[in-house]
PDB file of N, CA and C in Angstrom:
ATOM      1  N   MET A   1     -10.870 -36.703 -42.688  1.00  0.00           N
ATOM      2  CA  MET A   1     -11.842 -37.160 -41.730  1.00  0.00           C
ATOM      3  C   MET A   1     -11.231 -38.178 -40.787  1.00  0.00           C
ATOM      4  N   ASP A   2     -10.361 -38.962 -41.305  1.00  0.00           N
ATOM      5  CA  ASP A   2      -9.755 -40.009 -40.506  1.00  0.00           C
ATOM      6  C   ASP A   2      -8.871 -39.433 -39.390  1.00  0.00           C
ATOM      7  N   THR A   3      -8.139 -38.339 -39.679  1.00  0.00           N
ATOM      8  CA  THR A   3      -7.249 -37.758 -38.670  1.00  0.00           C
ATOM      9  C   THR A   3      -8.040 -37.088 -37.550  1.00  0.00           C
ATOM     10  N   LEU A   4      -9.217 -36.521 -37.852  1.00  0.00           N
ATOM     11  CA  LEU A   4     -10.043 -35.899 -36.829  1.00  0.00           C
ATOM     12  C   LEU A   4     -10.537 -36.940 -35.821  1.00  0.00           C
ATOM     13  N   ALA A   5     -10.957 -38.064 -36.273  1.00  0.00           N
ATOM     14  CA  ALA A   5     -11.405 -39.139 -35.387  1.00  0.00           C
ATOM     15  C   ALA A   5     -10.239 -39.616 -34.519  1.00  0.00           C
ATOM     16  N   PHE A   6      -9.049 -39.641 -35.060  1.00  0.00           N
ATOM     17  CA  PHE A   6      -7.862 -40.064 -34.305  1.00  0.00           C
ATOM     18  C   PHE A   6      -7.556 -39.078 -33.180  1.00  0.00           C
ATOM     19  N   LYS A   7      -7.654 -37.785 -33.456  1.00  0.00           N
ATOM     20  CA  LYS A   7      -7.360 -36.772 -32.437  1.00  0.00           C
ATOM     21  C   LYS A   7      -8.382 -36.809 -31.303  1.00  0.00           C
ATOM     22  N   GLN A   8      -9.648 -36.989 -31.631  1.00  0.00           N
ATOM     23  CA  GLN A   8     -10.662 -37.048 -30.586  1.00  0.00           C
ATOM     24  C   GLN A   8     -10.476 -38.282 -29.715  1.00  0.00           C
ATOM     25  N   ASP A   9     -10.109 -39.365 -30.296  1.00  0.00           N
ATOM     26  CA  ASP A   9      -9.920 -40.598 -29.550  1.00  0.00           C
ATOM     27  C   ASP A   9      -8.670 -40.524 -28.666  1.00  0.00           C
ATOM     28  N   LYS A  10      -7.662 -39.821 -29.139  1.00  0.00           N
ATOM     29  CA  LYS A  10      -6.399 -39.739 -28.417  1.00  0.00           C
ATOM     30  C   LYS A  10      -6.525 -38.914 -27.131  1.00  0.00           C
ATOM     31  N   TRP A  11      -7.329 -37.859 -27.110  1.00  0.00           N
ATOM     32  CA  TRP A  11      -7.428 -36.943 -25.973  1.00  0.00           C
ATOM     33  C   TRP A  11      -8.750 -37.082 -25.198  1.00  0.00           C
ATOM     34  N   LYS A  12      -9.395 -38.218 -25.219  1.00  0.00           N
ATOM     35  CA  LYS A  12     -10.697 -38.339 -24.580  1.00  0.00           C
ATOM     36  C   LYS A  12     -10.624 -38.354 -23.049  1.00  0.00           C
ATOM     37  N   HIS A  13      -9.473 -38.638 -22.447  1.00  0.00           N
ATOM     38  CA  HIS A  13      -9.340 -38.663 -20.994  1.00  0.00           C
ATOM     39  C   HIS A  13      -8.776 -37.357 -20.422  1.00  0.00           C
ATOM     40  N   ILE A  14      -8.503 -36.388 -21.253  1.00  0.00           N
ATOM     41  CA  ILE A  14      -7.934 -35.122 -20.810  1.00  0.00           C
ATOM     42  C   ILE A  14      -8.969 -34.022 -20.967  1.00  0.00           C
ATOM     43  N   SER A  15      -9.182 -33.282 -19.915  1.00  0.00           N
ATOM     44  CA  SER A  15     -10.077 -32.137 -20.003  1.00  0.00           C
ATOM     45  C   SER A  15      -9.307 -30.893 -19.562  1.00  0.00           C
ATOM     46  N   VAL A  16      -9.656 -29.769 -20.134  1.00  0.00           N
ATOM     47  CA  VAL A  16      -8.978 -28.512 -19.858  1.00  0.00           C
ATOM     48  C   VAL A  16      -9.974 -27.570 -19.190  1.00  0.00           C
ATOM     49  N   ALA A  17      -9.499 -26.927 -18.118  1.00  0.00           N
ATOM     50  CA  ALA A  17     -10.348 -25.970 -17.412  1.00  0.00           C
ATOM     51  C   ALA A  17      -9.515 -24.739 -17.076  1.00  0.00           C
ATOM     52  N   ARG A  18     -10.173 -23.609 -17.050  1.00  0.00           N
ATOM     53  CA  ARG A  18      -9.501 -22.356 -16.713  1.00  0.00           C
ATOM     54  C   ARG A  18      -9.738 -22.062 -15.238  1.00  0.00           C
ATOM     55  N   PHE A  19      -8.673 -21.653 -14.537  1.00  0.00           N
ATOM     56  CA  PHE A  19      -8.761 -21.412 -13.099  1.00  0.00           C
ATOM     57  C   PHE A  19      -7.958 -20.159 -12.765  1.00  0.00           C
ATOM     58  N   THR A  20      -8.577 -19.220 -12.076  1.00  0.00           N
ATOM     59  CA  THR A  20      -7.863 -18.016 -11.650  1.00  0.00           C
ATOM     60  C   THR A  20      -7.947 -17.899 -10.140  1.00  0.00           C
ATOM     61  N   VAL A  21      -6.925 -17.274  -9.572  1.00  0.00           N
ATOM     62  CA  VAL A  21      -6.860 -17.149  -8.124  1.00  0.00           C
ATOM     63  C   VAL A  21      -6.743 -15.684  -7.745  1.00  0.00           C
ATOM     64  N   ARG A  22      -7.523 -15.265  -6.775  1.00  0.00           N
ATOM     65  CA  ARG A  22      -7.430 -13.908  -6.236  1.00  0.00           C
ATOM     66  C   ARG A  22      -6.947 -13.952  -4.791  1.00  0.00           C
ATOM     67  N   THR A  23      -6.197 -14.985  -4.471  1.00  0.00           N
ATOM     68  CA  THR A  23      -5.738 -15.160  -3.097  1.00  0.00           C
ATOM     69  C   THR A  23      -4.827 -14.020  -2.668  1.00  0.00           C
ATOM     70  N   LEU A  24      -3.909 -13.594  -3.515  1.00  0.00           N
ATOM     71  CA  LEU A  24      -2.968 -12.537  -3.157  1.00  0.00           C
ATOM     72  C   LEU A  24      -3.699 -11.231  -2.867  1.00  0.00           C
ATOM     73  N   ALA A  25      -4.638 -10.861  -3.710  1.00  0.00           N
ATOM     74  CA  ALA A  25      -5.396  -9.623  -3.491  1.00  0.00           C
ATOM     75  C   ALA A  25      -6.214  -9.708  -2.210  1.00  0.00           C
ATOM     76  N   ALA A  26      -6.844 -10.840  -1.963  1.00  0.00           N
ATOM     77  CA  ALA A  26      -7.643 -11.000  -0.745  1.00  0.00           C
ATOM     78  C   ALA A  26      -6.752 -10.962   0.493  1.00  0.00           C
ATOM     79  N   GLU A  27      -5.588 -11.579   0.415  1.00  0.00           N
ATOM     80  CA  GLU A  27      -4.663 -11.582   1.554  1.00  0.00           C
ATOM     81  C   GLU A  27      -4.134 -10.179   1.848  1.00  0.00           C
ATOM     82  N   LEU A  28      -3.817  -9.414   0.824  1.00  0.00           N
ATOM     83  CA  LEU A  28      -3.357  -8.039   1.023  1.00  0.00           C
ATOM     84  C   LEU A  28      -4.441  -7.182   1.665  1.00  0.00           C
ATOM     85  N   GLU A  29      -5.673  -7.340   1.226  1.00  0.00           N
ATOM     86  CA  GLU A  29      -6.776  -6.583   1.822  1.00  0.00           C
ATOM     87  C   GLU A  29      -6.991  -6.969   3.281  1.00  0.00           C
ATOM     88  N   ARG A  30      -6.912  -8.263   3.569  1.00  0.00           N
ATOM     89  CA  ARG A  30      -7.108  -8.710   4.945  1.00  0.00           C
ATOM     90  C   ARG A  30      -5.984  -8.207   5.846  1.00  0.00           C
ATOM     91  N   ASN A  31      -4.744  -8.243   5.363  1.00  0.00           N
ATOM     92  CA  ASN A  31      -3.620  -7.728   6.146  1.00  0.00           C
ATOM     93  C   ASN A  31      -3.742  -6.231   6.368  1.00  0.00           C
ATOM     94  N   THR A  32      -4.191  -5.526   5.371  1.00  0.00           N
ATOM     95  CA  THR A  32      -4.338  -4.072   5.492  1.00  0.00           C
ATOM     96  C   THR A  32      -5.351  -3.719   6.557  1.00  0.00           C
ATOM     97  N   PHE A  33      -6.482  -4.376   6.548  1.00  0.00           N
ATOM     98  CA  PHE A  33      -7.525  -4.055   7.519  1.00  0.00           C
ATOM     99  C   PHE A  33      -7.176  -4.543   8.926  1.00  0.00           C
ATOM    100  N   SER A  34      -6.274  -5.511   9.049  1.00  0.00           N
ATOM    101  CA  SER A  34      -5.850  -5.938  10.382  1.00  0.00           C
ATOM    102  C   SER A  34      -4.849  -4.966  10.992  1.00  0.00           C
ATOM    103  N   VAL A  35      -4.219  -4.124  10.181  1.00  0.00           N
ATOM    104  CA  VAL A  35      -3.203  -3.180  10.655  1.00  0.00           C
ATOM    105  C   VAL A  35      -3.801  -1.812  10.978  1.00  0.00           C
ATOM    106  N   ILE A  36      -4.984  -1.510  10.498  1.00  0.00           N
ATOM    107  CA  ILE A  36      -5.588  -0.185  10.670  1.00  0.00           C
ATOM    108  C   ILE A  36      -5.679   0.249  12.139  1.00  0.00           C
ATOM    109  N   PRO A  37      -5.998  -0.625  13.102  1.00  0.00           N
ATOM    110  CA  PRO A  37      -6.026  -0.149  14.494  1.00  0.00           C
ATOM    111  C   PRO A  37      -4.673   0.351  14.998  1.00  0.00           C
ATOM    112  N   TYR A  38      -3.595  -0.153  14.454  1.00  0.00           N
ATOM    113  CA  TYR A  38      -2.259   0.256  14.879  1.00  0.00           C
ATOM    114  C   TYR A  38      -1.743   1.473  14.117  1.00  0.00           C
ATOM    115  N   PHE A  39      -2.505   1.939  13.165  1.00  0.00           N
ATOM    116  CA  PHE A  39      -2.066   3.050  12.315  1.00  0.00           C
ATOM    117  C   PHE A  39      -1.888   4.332  13.123  1.00  0.00           C
ATOM    118  N   SER A  40      -2.802   4.605  14.040  1.00  0.00           N
ATOM    119  CA  SER A  40      -2.688   5.835  14.833  1.00  0.00           C
ATOM    120  C   SER A  40      -1.489   5.776  15.770  1.00  0.00           C
ATOM    121  N   VAL A  41      -1.221   4.617  16.338  1.00  0.00           N
ATOM    122  CA  VAL A  41      -0.050   4.471  17.210  1.00  0.00           C
ATOM    123  C   VAL A  41       1.228   4.686  16.411  1.00  0.00           C
ATOM    124  N   THR A  42       1.279   4.132  15.222  1.00  0.00           N
ATOM    125  CA  THR A  42       2.454   4.294  14.368  1.00  0.00           C
ATOM    126  C   THR A  42       2.632   5.752  13.961  1.00  0.00           C
ATOM    127  N   ALA A  43       1.543   6.432  13.662  1.00  0.00           N
ATOM    128  CA  ALA A  43       1.627   7.850  13.290  1.00  0.00           C
ATOM    129  C   ALA A  43       2.159   8.685  14.459  1.00  0.00           C
ATOM    130  N   ILE A  44       1.703   8.395  15.673  1.00  0.00           N
ATOM    131  CA  ILE A  44       2.193   9.129  16.840  1.00  0.00           C
ATOM    132  C   ILE A  44       3.678   8.876  17.066  1.00  0.00           C
ATOM    133  N   TRP A  45       4.096   7.622  16.918  1.00  0.00           N
ATOM    134  CA  TRP A  45       5.521   7.310  17.050  1.00  0.00           C
ATOM    135  C   TRP A  45       6.344   8.025  15.974  1.00  0.00           C
ATOM    136  N   MET A  46       5.821   8.092  14.775  1.00  0.00           N
ATOM    137  CA  MET A  46       6.547   8.753  13.685  1.00  0.00           C
ATOM    138  C   MET A  46       6.667  10.256  13.951  1.00  0.00           C
ATOM    139  N   ILE A  47       5.604  10.880  14.425  1.00  0.00           N
ATOM    140  CA  ILE A  47       5.664  12.310  14.738  1.00  0.00           C
ATOM    141  C   ILE A  47       6.649  12.561  15.876  1.00  0.00           C
ATOM    142  N   GLY A  48       6.613  11.707  16.896  1.00  0.00           N
ATOM    143  CA  GLY A  48       7.571  11.842  17.995  1.00  0.00           C
ATOM    144  C   GLY A  48       9.006  11.676  17.537  1.00  0.00           C
ATOM    145  N   PHE A  49       9.239  10.712  16.669  1.00  0.00           N
ATOM    146  CA  PHE A  49      10.592  10.501  16.138  1.00  0.00           C
ATOM    147  C   PHE A  49      11.061  11.708  15.334  1.00  0.00           C
ATOM    148  N   MET A  50      10.178  12.253  14.520  1.00  0.00           N
ATOM    149  CA  MET A  50      10.557  13.409  13.706  1.00  0.00           C
ATOM    150  C   MET A  50      10.863  14.625  14.585  1.00  0.00           C
ATOM    151  N   ILE A  51      10.106  14.813  15.665  1.00  0.00           N
ATOM    152  CA  ILE A  51      10.367  15.942  16.565  1.00  0.00           C
ATOM    153  C   ILE A  51      11.701  15.746  17.279  1.00  0.00           C
ATOM    154  N   ILE A  52      11.953  14.544  17.767  1.00  0.00           N
ATOM    155  CA  ILE A  52      13.199  14.283  18.497  1.00  0.00           C
ATOM    156  C   ILE A  52      14.413  14.435  17.592  1.00  0.00           C
ATOM    157  N   THR A  53      14.320  13.998  16.336  1.00  0.00           N
ATOM    158  CA  THR A  53      15.467  14.133  15.444  1.00  0.00           C
ATOM    159  C   THR A  53      15.732  15.586  15.054  1.00  0.00           C
ATOM    160  N   CYS A  54      14.735  16.436  15.158  1.00  0.00           N
ATOM    161  CA  CYS A  54      14.938  17.849  14.842  1.00  0.00           C
ATOM    162  C   CYS A  54      15.359  18.675  16.065  1.00  0.00           C
ATOM    163  N   LEU A  55      15.393  18.052  17.239  1.00  0.00           N
ATOM    164  CA  LEU A  55      15.834  18.752  18.447  1.00  0.00           C
ATOM    165  C   LEU A  55      17.355  18.771  18.520  1.00  0.00           C
ATOM    166  N   MET A  56      17.887  19.828  19.087  1.00  0.00           N
ATOM    167  CA  MET A  56      19.324  19.947  19.329  1.00  0.00           C
ATOM    168  C   MET A  56      19.531  20.490  20.738  1.00  0.00           C
ATOM    169  N   ALA A  57      20.743  20.444  21.205  1.00  0.00           N
ATOM    170  CA  ALA A  57      21.044  20.935  22.556  1.00  0.00           C
ATOM    171  C   ALA A  57      20.880  22.447  22.646  1.00  0.00           C
ATOM    172  N   ASP A  58      21.107  23.131  21.551  1.00  0.00           N
ATOM    173  CA  ASP A  58      20.974  24.588  21.522  1.00  0.00           C
ATOM    174  C   ASP A  58      19.534  24.954  21.169  1.00  0.00           C
ATOM    175  N   TRP A  59      18.890  25.783  21.981  1.00  0.00           N
ATOM    176  CA  TRP A  59      17.505  26.158  21.760  1.00  0.00           C
ATOM    177  C   TRP A  59      17.336  27.047  20.533  1.00  0.00           C
ATOM    178  N   VAL A  60      18.392  27.710  20.118  1.00  0.00           N
ATOM    179  CA  VAL A  60      18.294  28.564  18.940  1.00  0.00           C
ATOM    180  C   VAL A  60      18.285  27.724  17.660  1.00  0.00           C
ATOM    181  N   LYS A  61      19.100  26.660  17.622  1.00  0.00           N
ATOM    182  CA  LYS A  61      19.193  25.816  16.432  1.00  0.00           C
ATOM    183  C   LYS A  61      18.141  24.707  16.406  1.00  0.00           C
ATOM    184  N   SER A  62      17.478  24.466  17.525  1.00  0.00           N
ATOM    185  CA  SER A  62      16.492  23.398  17.618  1.00  0.00           C
ATOM    186  C   SER A  62      15.229  23.776  16.835  1.00  0.00           C
ATOM    187  N   LYS A  63      14.740  22.849  16.022  1.00  0.00           N
ATOM    188  CA  LYS A  63      13.567  23.104  15.166  1.00  0.00           C
ATOM    189  C   LYS A  63      12.561  21.954  15.281  1.00  0.00           C
ATOM    190  N   PRO A  64      11.900  21.796  16.437  1.00  0.00           N
ATOM    191  CA  PRO A  64      10.938  20.692  16.554  1.00  0.00           C
ATOM    192  C   PRO A  64       9.717  20.858  15.655  1.00  0.00           C
ATOM    193  N   TRP A  65       9.337  22.088  15.349  1.00  0.00           N
ATOM    194  CA  TRP A  65       8.195  22.312  14.460  1.00  0.00           C
ATOM    195  C   TRP A  65       8.489  21.846  13.042  1.00  0.00           C
ATOM    196  N   LEU A  66       9.756  21.816  12.687  1.00  0.00           N
ATOM    197  CA  LEU A  66      10.128  21.342  11.360  1.00  0.00           C
ATOM    198  C   LEU A  66       9.775  19.865  11.193  1.00  0.00           C
ATOM    199  N   GLY A  67       9.935  19.073  12.263  1.00  0.00           N
ATOM    200  CA  GLY A  67       9.543  17.664  12.216  1.00  0.00           C
ATOM    201  C   GLY A  67       8.053  17.493  12.035  1.00  0.00           C
ATOM    202  N   ILE A  68       7.278  18.304  12.762  1.00  0.00           N
ATOM    203  CA  ILE A  68       5.818  18.220  12.635  1.00  0.00           C
ATOM    204  C   ILE A  68       5.374  18.636  11.240  1.00  0.00           C
ATOM    205  N   VAL A  69       5.966  19.701  10.720  1.00  0.00           N
ATOM    206  CA  VAL A  69       5.614  20.169   9.380  1.00  0.00           C
ATOM    207  C   VAL A  69       6.001  19.137   8.324  1.00  0.00           C
ATOM    208  N   GLY A  70       7.119  18.427   8.539  1.00  0.00           N
ATOM    209  CA  GLY A  70       7.515  17.367   7.605  1.00  0.00           C
ATOM    210  C   GLY A  70       6.498  16.240   7.552  1.00  0.00           C
ATOM    211  N   VAL A  71       5.989  15.834   8.708  1.00  0.00           N
ATOM    212  CA  VAL A  71       4.974  14.783   8.756  1.00  0.00           C
ATOM    213  C   VAL A  71       3.674  15.264   8.108  1.00  0.00           C
ATOM    214  N   ILE A  72       3.279  16.477   8.425  1.00  0.00           N
ATOM    215  CA  ILE A  72       2.032  17.017   7.861  1.00  0.00           C
ATOM    216  C   ILE A  72       2.136  17.151   6.343  1.00  0.00           C
ATOM    217  N   SER A  73       3.286  17.592   5.840  1.00  0.00           N
ATOM    218  CA  SER A  73       3.419  17.735   4.381  1.00  0.00           C
ATOM    219  C   SER A  73       3.394  16.386   3.685  1.00  0.00           C
ATOM    220  N   ALA A  74       3.977  15.354   4.300  1.00  0.00           N
ATOM    221  CA  ALA A  74       3.914  14.014   3.699  1.00  0.00           C
ATOM    222  C   ALA A  74       2.479  13.498   3.672  1.00  0.00           C
ATOM    223  N   ILE A  75       1.741  13.721   4.741  1.00  0.00           N
ATOM    224  CA  ILE A  75       0.346  13.264   4.795  1.00  0.00           C
ATOM    225  C   ILE A  75      -0.512  14.021   3.779  1.00  0.00           C
ATOM    226  N   LEU A  76      -0.338  15.343   3.706  1.00  0.00           N
ATOM    227  CA  LEU A  76      -1.115  16.119   2.725  1.00  0.00           C
ATOM    228  C   LEU A  76      -0.755  15.751   1.291  1.00  0.00           C
ATOM    229  N   GLY A  77       0.517  15.491   1.045  1.00  0.00           N
ATOM    230  CA  GLY A  77       0.930  15.067  -0.297  1.00  0.00           C
ATOM    231  C   GLY A  77       0.292  13.743  -0.688  1.00  0.00           C
ATOM    232  N   CYS A  78       0.253  12.794   0.256  1.00  0.00           N
ATOM    233  CA  CYS A  78      -0.387  11.499  -0.018  1.00  0.00           C
ATOM    234  C   CYS A  78      -1.886  11.657  -0.256  1.00  0.00           C
ATOM    235  N   LEU A  79      -2.537  12.450   0.568  1.00  0.00           N
ATOM    236  CA  LEU A  79      -3.979  12.653   0.386  1.00  0.00           C
ATOM    237  C   LEU A  79      -4.285  13.305  -0.957  1.00  0.00           C
ATOM    238  N   ALA A  80      -3.488  14.295  -1.338  1.00  0.00           N
ATOM    239  CA  ALA A  80      -3.715  14.968  -2.615  1.00  0.00           C
ATOM    240  C   ALA A  80      -3.475  14.022  -3.796  1.00  0.00           C
ATOM    241  N   SER A  81      -2.405  13.240  -3.711  1.00  0.00           N
ATOM    242  CA  SER A  81      -2.106  12.333  -4.828  1.00  0.00           C
ATOM    243  C   SER A  81      -3.138  11.209  -4.921  1.00  0.00           C
ATOM    244  N   PHE A  82      -3.550  10.645  -3.778  1.00  0.00           N
ATOM    245  CA  PHE A  82      -4.586   9.608  -3.817  1.00  0.00           C
ATOM    246  C   PHE A  82      -5.911  10.174  -4.295  1.00  0.00           C
ATOM    247  N   GLY A  83      -6.218  11.401  -3.893  1.00  0.00           N
ATOM    248  CA  GLY A  83      -7.446  12.031  -4.362  1.00  0.00           C
ATOM    249  C   GLY A  83      -7.448  12.223  -5.868  1.00  0.00           C
ATOM    250  N   LEU A  84      -6.337  12.678  -6.407  1.00  0.00           N
ATOM    251  CA  LEU A  84      -6.232  12.864  -7.857  1.00  0.00           C
ATOM    252  C   LEU A  84      -6.333  11.543  -8.598  1.00  0.00           C
ATOM    253  N   VAL A  85      -5.652  10.527  -8.098  1.00  0.00           N
ATOM    254  CA  VAL A  85      -5.686   9.224  -8.763  1.00  0.00           C
ATOM    255  C   VAL A  85      -7.084   8.617  -8.698  1.00  0.00           C
ATOM    256  N   MET A  86      -7.748   8.751  -7.556  1.00  0.00           N
ATOM    257  CA  MET A  86      -9.105   8.215  -7.446  1.00  0.00           C
ATOM    258  C   MET A  86     -10.082   9.016  -8.297  1.00  0.00           C
ATOM    259  N   TYR A  87      -9.842  10.318  -8.433  1.00  0.00           N
ATOM    260  CA  TYR A  87     -10.678  11.150  -9.312  1.00  0.00           C
ATOM    261  C   TYR A  87     -10.528  10.702 -10.768  1.00  0.00           C
ATOM    262  N   CYS A  88      -9.338  10.243 -11.123  1.00  0.00           N
ATOM    263  CA  CYS A  88      -9.104   9.758 -12.493  1.00  0.00           C
ATOM    264  C   CYS A  88      -9.703   8.377 -12.733  1.00  0.00           C
ATOM    265  N   GLY A  89     -10.194   7.732 -11.668  1.00  0.00           N
ATOM    266  CA  GLY A  89     -10.894   6.460 -11.853  1.00  0.00           C
ATOM    267  C   GLY A  89     -10.098   5.224 -11.491  1.00  0.00           C
ATOM    268  N   VAL A  90      -8.923   5.366 -10.906  1.00  0.00           N
ATOM    269  CA  VAL A  90      -8.134   4.212 -10.513  1.00  0.00           C
ATOM    270  C   VAL A  90      -8.654   3.706  -9.170  1.00  0.00           C
ATOM    271  N   GLU A  91      -8.796   2.402  -9.041  1.00  0.00           N
ATOM    272  CA  GLU A  91      -9.335   1.817  -7.814  1.00  0.00           C
ATOM    273  C   GLU A  91      -8.307   1.897  -6.686  1.00  0.00           C
ATOM    274  N   PHE A  92      -8.754   2.270  -5.500  1.00  0.00           N
ATOM    275  CA  PHE A  92      -7.885   2.368  -4.331  1.00  0.00           C
ATOM    276  C   PHE A  92      -7.731   0.988  -3.703  1.00  0.00           C
ATOM    277  N   ILE A  93      -6.493   0.588  -3.463  1.00  0.00           N
ATOM    278  CA  ILE A  93      -6.246  -0.679  -2.781  1.00  0.00           C
ATOM    279  C   ILE A  93      -5.706  -0.375  -1.393  1.00  0.00           C
ATOM    280  N   GLY A  94      -5.969  -1.240  -0.465  1.00  0.00           N
ATOM    281  CA  GLY A  94      -5.662  -0.998   0.926  1.00  0.00           C
ATOM    282  C   GLY A  94      -4.191  -0.885   1.263  1.00  0.00           C
ATOM    283  N   ILE A  95      -3.327  -1.502   0.484  1.00  0.00           N
ATOM    284  CA  ILE A  95      -1.898  -1.479   0.787  1.00  0.00           C
ATOM    285  C   ILE A  95      -1.320  -0.073   0.634  1.00  0.00           C
ATOM    286  N   ASN A  96      -2.064   0.811  -0.020  1.00  0.00           N
ATOM    287  CA  ASN A  96      -1.603   2.199  -0.180  1.00  0.00           C
ATOM    288  C   ASN A  96      -1.595   2.979   1.121  1.00  0.00           C
ATOM    289  N   ILE A  97      -2.180   2.414   2.172  1.00  0.00           N
ATOM    290  CA  ILE A  97      -2.176   3.095   3.463  1.00  0.00           C
ATOM    291  C   ILE A  97      -0.744   3.264   3.979  1.00  0.00           C
ATOM    292  N   ALA A  98       0.169   2.409   3.564  1.00  0.00           N
ATOM    293  CA  ALA A  98       1.559   2.490   4.012  1.00  0.00           C
ATOM    294  C   ALA A  98       2.350   3.572   3.281  1.00  0.00           C
ATOM    295  N   ALA A  99       1.792   4.208   2.285  1.00  0.00           N
ATOM    296  CA  ALA A  99       2.524   5.192   1.483  1.00  0.00           C
ATOM    297  C   ALA A  99       3.059   6.378   2.277  1.00  0.00           C
ATOM    298  N   PRO A 100       2.319   6.964   3.230  1.00  0.00           N
ATOM    299  CA  PRO A 100       2.904   8.092   3.981  1.00  0.00           C
ATOM    300  C   PRO A 100       4.176   7.711   4.735  1.00  0.00           C
ATOM    301  N   PHE A 101       4.223   6.484   5.264  1.00  0.00           N
ATOM    302  CA  PHE A 101       5.407   6.043   5.980  1.00  0.00           C
ATOM    303  C   PHE A 101       6.578   5.819   5.045  1.00  0.00           C
ATOM    304  N   LEU A 102       6.280   5.361   3.834  1.00  0.00           N
ATOM    305  CA  LEU A 102       7.349   5.211   2.845  1.00  0.00           C
ATOM    306  C   LEU A 102       7.884   6.568   2.414  1.00  0.00           C
ATOM    307  N   MET A 103       6.997   7.548   2.302  1.00  0.00           N
ATOM    308  CA  MET A 103       7.441   8.897   1.930  1.00  0.00           C
ATOM    309  C   MET A 103       8.284   9.531   3.024  1.00  0.00           C
ATOM    310  N   LEU A 104       7.928   9.295   4.286  1.00  0.00           N
ATOM    311  CA  LEU A 104       8.711   9.837   5.392  1.00  0.00           C
ATOM    312  C   LEU A 104      10.070   9.170   5.511  1.00  0.00           C
ATOM    313  N   GLY A 105      10.161   7.933   5.062  1.00  0.00           N
ATOM    314  CA  GLY A 105      11.423   7.212   5.140  1.00  0.00           C
ATOM    315  C   GLY A 105      12.437   7.618   4.092  1.00  0.00           C
ATOM    316  N   GLU A 106      12.025   8.342   3.087  1.00  0.00           N
ATOM    317  CA  GLU A 106      12.942   8.736   2.020  1.00  0.00           C
ATOM    318  C   GLU A 106      13.903   9.753   2.490  1.00  0.00           C
TER     319      GLU A 106
END
């Protein structure tokens, strides 16, 4: 009994509180939604870049449609994978909007 009274007296000026922060998640969401207006411009630039890189001086070897098909396949792959993941119950976060550009960069 004596040691219990000693412990309470020793820590009477210290209090413990639990604190959690969701600042990182909120900041990522805010950054994602601030970039959405520029998403269409970026997509157009990416499609243009893919077409130009598939062009050659020879009209027989030039394959500009291959660039367009590459962009479309990356977008469809992302939509299908996000759809499957969301169907499985995983929450969609806004930073995933950058995934098609990461796939095109590979």
